[in-house]
Amino acid sequence: MSAVALATARGPFGRFACDGFEREADRLNLRLAGAFGLADPPERVADAAPDAILACGPANREVELFRELGRLLPGVLCPGISPGLSA
């Protein structure tokens, strides 16, 4: 079972992402390593020792977080879900 940390922005979309993950985690053979805000220090996310980090928020903050976590957790999968991207 893989451990996934969630890093989400405040607001309904971030809550929706967390709720969906929690609802489907067992079916997908995943477990929640921790839920964090995008403003939380990257070290806090890294301390959860996840196999993957799913970010949900503004693309620029996701990229910053993934860059910082790339130094702390090399090789960890880092997908992002960016709501409201403009064309």
C-alpha atoms as a PDB file:
ATOM      1  CA  MET A   1       0.000   0.000   0.000  1.00  0.00           C
ATOM      2  CA  SER A   2       1.476   3.344  -1.059  1.00  0.00           C
ATOM      3  CA  ALA A   3       1.369   6.387   1.208  1.00  0.00           C
ATOM      4  CA  VAL A   4       0.213   9.673  -0.301  1.00  0.00           C
ATOM      5  CA  ALA A   5       0.507  13.127   1.248  1.00  0.00           C
ATOM      6  CA  LEU A   6      -2.044  15.724   0.165  1.00  0.00           C
ATOM      7  CA  ALA A   7      -1.100  19.403  -0.051  1.00  0.00           C
ATOM      8  CA  THR A   8      -4.104  21.551  -0.877  1.00  0.00           C
ATOM      9  CA  ALA A   9      -5.083  25.169  -1.127  1.00  0.00           C
ATOM     10  CA  ARG A  10      -7.769  26.544   1.128  1.00  0.00           C
ATOM     11  CA  GLY A  11     -11.299  26.559  -0.134  1.00  0.00           C
ATOM     12  CA  PRO A  12     -13.871  24.181  -1.542  1.00  0.00           C
ATOM     13  CA  PHE A  13     -11.750  22.682  -4.331  1.00  0.00           C
ATOM     14  CA  GLY A  14      -9.023  21.616  -1.920  1.00  0.00           C
ATOM     15  CA  ARG A  15     -11.590  20.128   0.460  1.00  0.00           C
ATOM     16  CA  PHE A  16     -13.230  18.345  -2.479  1.00  0.00           C
ATOM     17  CA  ALA A  17      -9.863  16.809  -3.452  1.00  0.00           C
ATOM     18  CA  CYS A  18      -9.201  15.607   0.119  1.00  0.00           C
ATOM     19  CA  ASP A  19     -12.693  14.185   0.488  1.00  0.00           C
ATOM     20  CA  GLY A  20     -12.402  12.332  -2.816  1.00  0.00           C
ATOM     21  CA  PHE A  21      -9.031  10.875  -1.918  1.00  0.00           C
ATOM     22  CA  GLU A  22     -10.220   9.716   1.477  1.00  0.00           C
ATOM     23  CA  ARG A  23     -13.351   8.165  -0.057  1.00  0.00           C
ATOM     24  CA  GLU A  24     -11.421   6.211  -2.734  1.00  0.00           C
ATOM     25  CA  ALA A  25      -8.076   5.493  -1.008  1.00  0.00           C
ATOM     26  CA  ASP A  26      -8.860   1.944   0.114  1.00  0.00           C
ATOM     27  CA  ARG A  27     -10.233   0.971  -3.280  1.00  0.00           C
ATOM     28  CA  LEU A  28      -7.020   2.285  -4.895  1.00  0.00           C
ATOM     29  CA  ASN A  29      -4.805   0.562  -2.313  1.00  0.00           C
ATOM     30  CA  LEU A  30      -3.523   3.909  -1.012  1.00  0.00           C
ATOM     31  CA  ARG A  31      -3.254   5.368   2.457  1.00  0.00           C
ATOM     32  CA  LEU A  32      -3.145   8.978   3.545  1.00  0.00           C
ATOM     33  CA  ALA A  33       0.312   9.870   4.881  1.00  0.00           C
ATOM     34  CA  GLY A  34      -0.921  13.316   5.902  1.00  0.00           C
ATOM     35  CA  ALA A  35      -2.983  16.291   4.786  1.00  0.00           C
ATOM     36  CA  PHE A  36      -1.206  19.634   4.524  1.00  0.00           C
ATOM     37  CA  GLY A  37      -1.853  23.137   3.297  1.00  0.00           C
ATOM     38  CA  LEU A  38       0.122  24.481   0.351  1.00  0.00           C
ATOM     39  CA  ALA A  39       1.508  27.106   2.729  1.00  0.00           C
ATOM     40  CA  ASP A  40       2.918  24.485   5.129  1.00  0.00           C
ATOM     41  CA  PRO A  41       6.706  24.155   5.203  1.00  0.00           C
ATOM     42  CA  PRO A  42       7.950  21.507   2.743  1.00  0.00           C
ATOM     43  CA  GLU A  43       9.914  19.889   5.571  1.00  0.00           C
ATOM     44  CA  ARG A  44       6.637  19.109   7.330  1.00  0.00           C
ATOM     45  CA  VAL A  45       5.344  17.305   4.235  1.00  0.00           C
ATOM     46  CA  ALA A  46       8.652  15.458   3.823  1.00  0.00           C
ATOM     47  CA  ASP A  47       8.523  14.299   7.454  1.00  0.00           C
ATOM     48  CA  ALA A  48       5.390  12.290   6.584  1.00  0.00           C
ATOM     49  CA  ALA A  49       7.655  10.097   4.370  1.00  0.00           C
ATOM     50  CA  PRO A  50       5.128   9.717   1.539  1.00  0.00           C
ATOM     51  CA  ASP A  51       5.627   7.659  -1.601  1.00  0.00           C
ATOM     52  CA  ALA A  52       3.792  10.387  -3.527  1.00  0.00           C
ATOM     53  CA  ILE A  53       2.578  13.932  -2.908  1.00  0.00           C
ATOM     54  CA  LEU A  54      -0.635  15.127  -4.519  1.00  0.00           C
ATOM     55  CA  ALA A  55      -0.982  18.906  -4.689  1.00  0.00           C
ATOM     56  CA  CYS A  56      -4.204  20.732  -5.436  1.00  0.00           C
ATOM     57  CA  GLY A  57      -4.064  24.496  -5.802  1.00  0.00           C
ATOM     58  CA  PRO A  58      -2.594  27.313  -7.836  1.00  0.00           C
ATOM     59  CA  ALA A  59      -0.062  25.991 -10.356  1.00  0.00           C
ATOM     60  CA  ASN A  60       2.682  28.417  -9.311  1.00  0.00           C
ATOM     61  CA  ARG A  61       2.517  27.266  -5.681  1.00  0.00           C
ATOM     62  CA  GLU A  62       2.398  23.594  -6.718  1.00  0.00           C
ATOM     63  CA  VAL A  63       5.569  24.074  -8.787  1.00  0.00           C
ATOM     64  CA  GLU A  64       7.339  25.836  -5.899  1.00  0.00           C
ATOM     65  CA  LEU A  65       6.353  23.063  -3.502  1.00  0.00           C
ATOM     66  CA  PHE A  66       7.464  20.311  -5.890  1.00  0.00           C
ATOM     67  CA  ARG A  67      10.831  22.004  -6.443  1.00  0.00           C
ATOM     68  CA  GLU A  68      11.408  22.261  -2.712  1.00  0.00           C
ATOM     69  CA  LEU A  69      10.261  18.688  -2.101  1.00  0.00           C
ATOM     70  CA  GLY A  70      12.424  17.429  -4.970  1.00  0.00           C
ATOM     71  CA  ARG A  71      15.475  18.366  -2.928  1.00  0.00           C
ATOM     72  CA  LEU A  72      14.085  16.802   0.248  1.00  0.00           C
ATOM     73  CA  LEU A  73      12.533  13.672  -1.272  1.00  0.00           C
ATOM     74  CA  PRO A  74      14.269  12.828  -4.542  1.00  0.00           C
ATOM     75  CA  GLY A  75      12.354  10.324  -6.620  1.00  0.00           C
ATOM     76  CA  VAL A  76       8.972  10.853  -4.949  1.00  0.00           C
ATOM     77  CA  LEU A  77       6.050  11.085  -7.377  1.00  0.00           C
ATOM     78  CA  CYS A  78       4.584  14.617  -7.400  1.00  0.00           C
ATOM     79  CA  PRO A  79       1.350  15.035  -9.401  1.00  0.00           C
ATOM     80  CA  GLY A  80      -0.648  18.269  -9.279  1.00  0.00           C
ATOM     81  CA  ILE A  81      -4.243  19.256  -9.912  1.00  0.00           C
ATOM     82  CA  SER A  82      -4.486  22.932 -10.788  1.00  0.00           C
ATOM     83  CA  PRO A  83      -8.024  24.296 -10.805  1.00  0.00           C
ATOM     84  CA  GLY A  84      -8.884  27.158 -13.084  1.00  0.00           C
ATOM     85  CA  LEU A  85      -5.875  27.162 -15.390  1.00  0.00           C
ATOM     86  CA  SER A  86      -6.295  29.735 -18.104  1.00  0.00           C
ATOM     87  CA  ALA A  87      -5.919  28.775 -21.741  1.00  0.00           C
END
